[in-house]
Structures are given as structure tokens and as C-alpha cells.
Amino acid sequence: MSSADRPSFTPLPGDELLTSAVLSDSLDASGLRSQVLVRRLAPVVPGSRAFGRAWTVVFEPTQEDVPEDPYGPAIDYISAIRAGEIAVIATGESNESGFWGELFSAAALGAGAAGVVTDGNLRDTPKIAALGFPAFSLSRRPIDYRARMRIAATGEPVTLSGVSVSTGDLLLADDDGVVVVPRLHEDEVLMRARRRVAAETTVLAELLAGETLRAVWDRHGVL
């Protein structure tokens, strides 16, 4: 899928209150009960949050080197990322190398990307943290992917920790995990999520004022 064909997404005021838990509950209510990554991908910086559309890439093993342009496909992939998108890097949970580091983060940040999520490793993590770029990964390893892994495809559907992700799907990553909202269902799921955020704000205030859990549940049906 080319950059021109990919849908944009503009969060509404208040969407900064959406969390992975809220989206997970809203997906459950929509009958989509398997949209949370099986593994928790940890943020480089606790408290990080990334919310945007997926721009996918998949890596596969190789022993071939391309000395004249070893990072060409990665350069093309990152050059095509759009503002508000999340780089979604599927590696099959490979531990062969790191797949993303400081300079890739800087380029993505300069393009307005919302973050990076990978089921593989990051490297340069202190420098990524210093950039303030939201980054989530299965683990960390300092090894370069050159002549170990290569890009097999970009923009195609991938499987990330048990969940199918297509370019254009909505992702939200935070401390609790990563949630995938398929484009086909995003209007319904976001409507439920936004309503839930508003209800939870009311429920929280009532609980702090001394109401019981039973009372607020009976009144609002939200916990």
C-alpha cells in the first residue's frame, strides 16, 4: 500500500484519555476478543503512549550482505512513514539482532510518526529515550541486523504476537500492552471507548466521594 493510499487519522479532543484497557474493553463489547497482543511489549520509557495507524514491515532471516546499499529497504520504509503513523515491525520474535535504534527513531520523529512497536529487539534505547520517541519492544539487543535479517515486505498484513495487523489499523500502545483496532470496526470501537472514558470519569469521581462499587456499578454498568 503506497503512502498516498493510506488513510489518515486525527484523534479527537479527549482521545488522549484512551488507554489500552479502555480499547480492550470496547473491543470485547464489539465481539472482538482477541485484539490484544499476547506478549506485553515493554516501553523504553515507562509512561510512554503511542496511538495511531499502523505502517507495517516484516523481517526475515538472511546471511546475504548488500555492501552497496545494506539499509536501502529500511530507508525506503522509514522515508514512507506518515505523520501520526506507528512503525509496526514484525520479526517473528527474532532475537538475531536489534531492528530499530536512535537514528531510525530520529528520522521517524522528524516525519511526525507516533511511535514504533516491534516483537523483536530495539537498540540504542537510552538515546531513543532521550529523543522522547515512544518505542515498545519484546526486548533489547545491540547487534546490527545487517547480514542477519532483511526486510521481506512493507505495507502488508503481519502477525504481531498472535494478532493480525494491517497497515491502516489503529494501534494503541501503553504500559499495559498493545491493542489493535481493525479499520473495519474502528468507528464502533472508538464510539464505545469514548463513551467509556466519559463514564469512567464520572465513576471515579463518585468512588472518591465515598460511593460503593456496587452502587456505581448498578448506576453506570462500568468498572
Foldseek 3Di string as FASTA:
>chain_A
DALVPADFDDDDPVCVLFAPVLLQVLCVVVVNNQFFFPDFFAKLDAFDKFKAFEWEWEKDWAQDADVVCQCVVVVVSLVRDAARYEYEYEYVLDAQAADEEQVSQVSNVVRNYRAYEYAYAHENSVNSVVVVGIYTYVYHDHGDCGSTMDIDDIQAWDAGNRHIGGGNWIWMHHRVGIGTHGPVCVVSSVVSSSVLSVLVVVVVVVVVVPDDPVVSCVVRVHD
